[in-house]
Amino acid sequence: MIKALIFDFDGLIVDTETPAYHAFCKIYKEYGKELPLEMYARCVGTSFEFFNPYTYLAELLEQAGDAERIRKQVDVCYRELLKDVQPRPGVVSYLQEAKRLGLRVCIASSSYYNWIEPYLDKFSLHDYFEFFNTADLVKKVKPDPELYQLSLQKLEIRPEEAVSFEDSLNGFIAAKQAGVRTVIVPNEMTTTFSFEGYDLKIPDMEAMPLNELIERLEKQNRVGELE
């Protein structure tokens, strides 16, 4: 029986990821370079440990010491693109329905809390979540399963009693490694990513009511147990 929902944040609740990629692409273009999506995908939903687009551009330009200057340029562009960002379609409805159904809800994000808090405040989302498990609280972020393991521990539930919502490959891998069923909700940027082995995939949270989604997952689980 599903007892809890675990939400990613960036790209899932608020699509901060697509504007980030667009900001990098704009700055790369100004320097006469390109940033392939398949390369940038390595750092989506995780940290820059796996791929650092700032130092990569500096290396392409053979100006390794300019990574900080590039970071500042990207940051200016990124913040401009974020001005009009809103929660993704259906997110608030899902959170409201989860509360009505008595489901426990938390966030498992590779970002730091001081990044997501302003958005939680801006869109009045704080009260929907019981816990905020972020990069501040773990040694390793996604695709490592530690954020999900911490979430399960705090929720005091088994992996099969939770459902995760992810938009990125790194988040998906983390959830699956923790044994948590995963619903993929890709954003504009991650919609072309090759997700394999997910439990359900929807274009956004307006595409299927939460109660119907849960019923479908529960049915899949019952069929799996019979096989």
Protein backbone atom coordinates (compact mmCIF):
# COMPACT_ATOMS: atom_id res chain seq x y z
CA MET A 1 0.00 0.00 0.00
CA ILE A 2 1.33 3.42 -0.95
CA LYS A 3 1.74 5.61 2.12
CA ALA A 4 4.04 8.41 0.97
CA LEU A 5 5.14 10.50 -1.99
CA ILE A 6 8.73 11.68 -2.46
CA PHE A 7 9.19 14.65 -4.76
CA ASP A 8 12.30 15.89 -6.49
CA PHE A 9 12.41 19.69 -6.67
CA ASP A 10 14.38 21.23 -9.54
CA GLY A 11 12.74 20.46 -12.87
CA LEU A 12 9.90 18.59 -11.17
CA ILE A 13 8.10 21.01 -8.86
CA VAL A 14 9.55 24.12 -10.49
CA ASP A 15 11.35 23.81 -13.80
CA THR A 16 14.57 25.57 -12.94
CA GLU A 17 16.51 23.11 -15.12
CA THR A 18 15.38 24.16 -18.59
CA PRO A 19 16.24 27.85 -17.97
CA ALA A 20 19.64 26.75 -16.62
CA TYR A 21 20.43 24.89 -19.82
CA HIS A 22 19.24 27.81 -21.94
CA ALA A 23 21.47 30.16 -19.92
CA PHE A 24 24.51 27.98 -20.45
CA CYS A 25 23.74 27.64 -24.17
CA LYS A 26 23.47 31.42 -24.54
CA ILE A 27 26.84 32.05 -22.91
CA TYR A 28 28.48 29.20 -24.82
CA LYS A 29 27.13 30.68 -28.06
CA GLU A 30 28.55 34.10 -27.18
CA TYR A 31 31.96 32.42 -27.06
CA GLY A 32 31.33 30.58 -30.33
CA LYS A 33 30.88 27.19 -28.66
CA GLU A 34 28.05 24.68 -28.18
CA LEU A 35 26.91 22.66 -25.17
CA PRO A 36 25.34 19.38 -26.36
CA LEU A 37 22.34 18.32 -24.30
CA GLU A 38 23.64 14.77 -23.96
CA MET A 39 26.76 16.16 -22.29
CA TYR A 40 24.91 18.60 -20.05
CA ALA A 41 22.53 15.79 -19.01
CA ARG A 42 25.32 14.32 -16.89
CA CYS A 43 24.89 17.09 -14.31
CA VAL A 44 21.09 17.39 -14.42
CA GLY A 45 19.55 16.32 -11.12
CA THR A 46 22.93 15.97 -9.43
CA SER A 47 26.03 18.07 -8.75
CA PHE A 48 28.70 19.41 -11.07
CA GLU A 49 30.97 16.61 -9.85
CA PHE A 50 29.91 14.55 -12.87
CA PHE A 51 30.20 17.37 -15.40
CA ASN A 52 31.04 21.03 -14.79
CA PRO A 53 29.78 23.25 -17.64
CA TYR A 54 31.70 26.25 -16.31
CA THR A 55 35.14 24.63 -16.35
CA TYR A 56 34.31 22.77 -19.58
CA LEU A 57 33.79 26.04 -21.47
CA ALA A 58 36.92 27.50 -19.92
CA GLU A 59 38.84 24.44 -21.11
CA LEU A 60 37.38 24.73 -24.62
CA LEU A 61 38.61 28.31 -24.70
CA GLU A 62 41.97 27.23 -23.27
CA GLN A 63 41.39 29.73 -20.49
CA ALA A 64 41.07 27.46 -17.46
CA GLY A 65 41.32 30.37 -15.06
CA ASP A 66 38.18 32.01 -16.45
CA ALA A 67 35.66 29.54 -15.01
CA GLU A 68 34.61 32.03 -12.30
CA ARG A 69 34.03 34.79 -14.86
CA ILE A 70 31.93 32.40 -16.94
CA ARG A 71 29.96 31.41 -13.84
CA LYS A 72 29.06 35.04 -13.20
CA GLN A 73 27.93 35.54 -16.80
CA VAL A 74 25.75 32.43 -16.72
CA ASP A 75 24.32 33.45 -13.34
CA VAL A 76 23.16 36.84 -14.66
CA CYS A 77 21.46 35.21 -17.64
CA TYR A 78 19.98 32.40 -15.53
CA ARG A 79 18.42 34.73 -12.96
CA GLU A 80 16.80 36.73 -15.75
CA LEU A 81 15.24 33.56 -17.19
CA LEU A 82 13.98 32.50 -13.75
CA LYS A 83 11.98 35.68 -13.14
CA ASP A 84 8.70 34.30 -14.49
CA VAL A 85 9.08 30.66 -13.45
CA GLN A 86 6.03 29.01 -11.85
CA PRO A 87 5.23 25.59 -10.37
CA ARG A 88 4.80 23.04 -13.12
CA PRO A 89 1.24 22.17 -14.24
CA GLY A 90 -0.63 20.02 -11.76
CA VAL A 91 1.96 20.15 -8.97
CA VAL A 92 -0.17 22.10 -6.51
CA SER A 93 -3.20 19.93 -7.28
CA TYR A 94 -1.16 16.79 -6.55
CA LEU A 95 0.02 18.22 -3.24
CA GLN A 96 -3.52 19.20 -2.27
CA GLU A 97 -4.86 15.78 -3.20
CA ALA A 98 -2.05 14.03 -1.31
CA LYS A 99 -3.06 15.92 1.81
CA ARG A 100 -6.71 15.00 1.28
CA LEU A 101 -5.78 11.33 0.88
CA GLY A 102 -3.69 11.39 4.05
CA LEU A 103 -0.43 10.62 2.26
CA ARG A 104 2.86 11.71 3.75
CA VAL A 105 4.96 13.91 1.48
CA CYS A 106 8.59 14.99 1.46
CA ILE A 107 11.24 16.42 -0.85
CA ALA A 108 14.43 14.61 -1.85
CA SER A 109 16.59 17.09 -3.74
CA SER A 110 20.25 17.24 -4.80
CA SER A 111 20.06 21.01 -4.33
CA TYR A 112 20.81 22.79 -1.09
CA TYR A 113 17.93 23.96 1.07
CA ASN A 114 18.83 27.64 0.70
CA TRP A 115 18.21 27.25 -3.05
CA ILE A 116 14.74 25.72 -2.81
CA GLU A 117 13.46 27.67 0.21
CA PRO A 118 12.77 30.95 -1.68
CA TYR A 119 10.58 29.03 -4.14
CA LEU A 120 8.74 27.26 -1.32
CA ASP A 121 8.08 30.68 0.22
CA LYS A 122 7.14 32.35 -3.07
CA PHE A 123 4.57 29.71 -3.98
CA SER A 124 3.39 28.90 -0.40
CA LEU A 125 4.43 25.26 -0.65
CA HIS A 126 6.13 24.72 2.72
CA ASP A 127 3.15 23.25 4.52
CA TYR A 128 2.63 20.46 2.01
CA PHE A 129 5.90 18.76 2.94
CA GLU A 130 6.81 16.93 6.11
CA PHE A 131 10.56 16.83 5.43
CA PHE A 132 13.06 18.55 3.15
CA ASN A 133 15.93 16.19 2.46
CA THR A 134 18.54 18.15 0.54
CA ALA A 135 22.26 18.15 -0.25
CA ASP A 136 22.90 19.70 3.18
CA LEU A 137 21.98 16.42 4.88
CA VAL A 138 23.83 13.74 2.89
CA LYS A 139 27.35 12.86 1.84
CA LYS A 140 26.34 11.97 -1.71
CA VAL A 141 23.54 13.34 -3.88
CA LYS A 142 21.76 11.64 -6.77
CA PRO A 143 22.38 9.31 -8.57
CA ASP A 144 23.47 7.89 -5.22
CA PRO A 145 20.37 6.60 -3.36
CA GLU A 146 21.29 8.26 -0.04
CA LEU A 147 18.65 11.02 -0.33
CA TYR A 148 15.94 8.42 -0.87
CA GLN A 149 17.24 6.19 1.89
CA LEU A 150 17.15 9.15 4.26
CA SER A 151 13.60 9.97 3.17
CA LEU A 152 12.43 6.42 3.80
CA GLN A 153 14.11 6.43 7.18
CA LYS A 154 12.43 9.66 8.25
CA LEU A 155 9.06 8.56 6.91
CA GLU A 156 9.51 5.20 8.68
CA ILE A 157 8.24 3.24 5.68
CA ARG A 158 9.49 0.49 3.40
CA PRO A 159 10.59 1.32 -0.18
CA GLU A 160 7.52 -0.37 -1.68
CA GLU A 161 5.27 1.94 0.35
CA ALA A 162 6.57 5.06 -1.40
CA VAL A 163 6.31 6.61 -4.85
CA SER A 164 8.93 8.99 -6.19
CA PHE A 165 8.41 11.70 -8.79
CA GLU A 166 11.47 12.51 -10.91
CA ASP A 167 12.29 14.39 -14.10
CA SER A 168 15.97 13.50 -14.54
CA LEU A 169 17.99 10.36 -15.20
CA ASN A 170 20.13 10.89 -12.11
CA GLY A 171 17.06 11.22 -9.90
CA PHE A 172 15.46 8.19 -11.51
CA ILE A 173 18.58 6.09 -10.92
CA ALA A 174 18.71 7.16 -7.26
CA ALA A 175 15.08 6.24 -6.64
CA LYS A 176 15.36 2.86 -8.33
CA GLN A 177 18.53 2.01 -6.43
CA ALA A 178 16.63 2.72 -3.22
CA GLY A 179 13.87 0.36 -4.35
CA VAL A 180 11.26 3.11 -4.68
CA ARG A 181 8.68 3.05 -7.47
CA THR A 182 9.25 5.95 -9.81
CA VAL A 183 6.95 8.15 -11.86
CA ILE A 184 8.82 10.07 -14.55
CA VAL A 185 7.50 13.57 -15.22
CA PRO A 186 9.97 15.01 -17.75
CA ASN A 187 10.27 18.72 -18.33
CA GLU A 188 11.00 20.53 -21.60
CA MET A 189 14.68 19.69 -21.41
CA THR A 190 14.55 16.11 -20.10
CA THR A 191 11.70 14.88 -22.29
CA THR A 192 14.22 13.44 -24.78
CA PHE A 193 16.18 11.54 -22.12
CA SER A 194 16.15 7.76 -22.40
CA PHE A 195 14.38 6.51 -19.27
CA GLU A 196 14.15 2.73 -18.99
CA GLY A 197 12.48 0.65 -16.30
CA TYR A 198 10.26 3.32 -14.79
CA ASP A 199 6.91 2.38 -13.26
CA LEU A 200 4.93 5.15 -14.96
CA LYS A 201 5.60 8.17 -17.16
CA ILE A 202 3.33 11.18 -17.58
CA PRO A 203 3.95 14.46 -19.46
CA ASP A 204 2.90 16.53 -16.44
CA MET A 205 0.74 16.18 -13.34
CA GLU A 206 -2.32 17.55 -15.10
CA ALA A 207 -2.30 14.50 -17.38
CA MET A 208 -3.55 12.09 -14.70
CA PRO A 209 -5.27 12.70 -11.34
CA LEU A 210 -3.21 11.57 -8.35
CA ASN A 211 -5.80 9.04 -7.15
CA GLU A 212 -5.87 7.43 -10.60
CA LEU A 213 -2.08 7.33 -10.71
CA ILE A 214 -1.93 5.61 -7.32
CA GLU A 215 -4.60 3.10 -8.33
CA ARG A 216 -2.64 2.26 -11.46
CA LEU A 217 0.59 1.75 -9.52
CA GLU A 218 -1.16 -0.39 -6.92
CA LYS A 219 -2.67 -2.52 -9.69
CA GLN A 220 0.74 -2.94 -11.31
CA ASN A 221 2.13 -4.04 -7.96
CA ARG A 222 -0.62 -6.63 -7.45
CA VAL A 223 -0.05 -8.03 -10.95
CA GLY A 224 3.68 -8.18 -10.28
CA GLU A 225 3.14 -10.11 -7.06
CA LEU A 226 1.00 -12.68 -8.91
CA GLU A 227 3.57 -13.28 -11.64
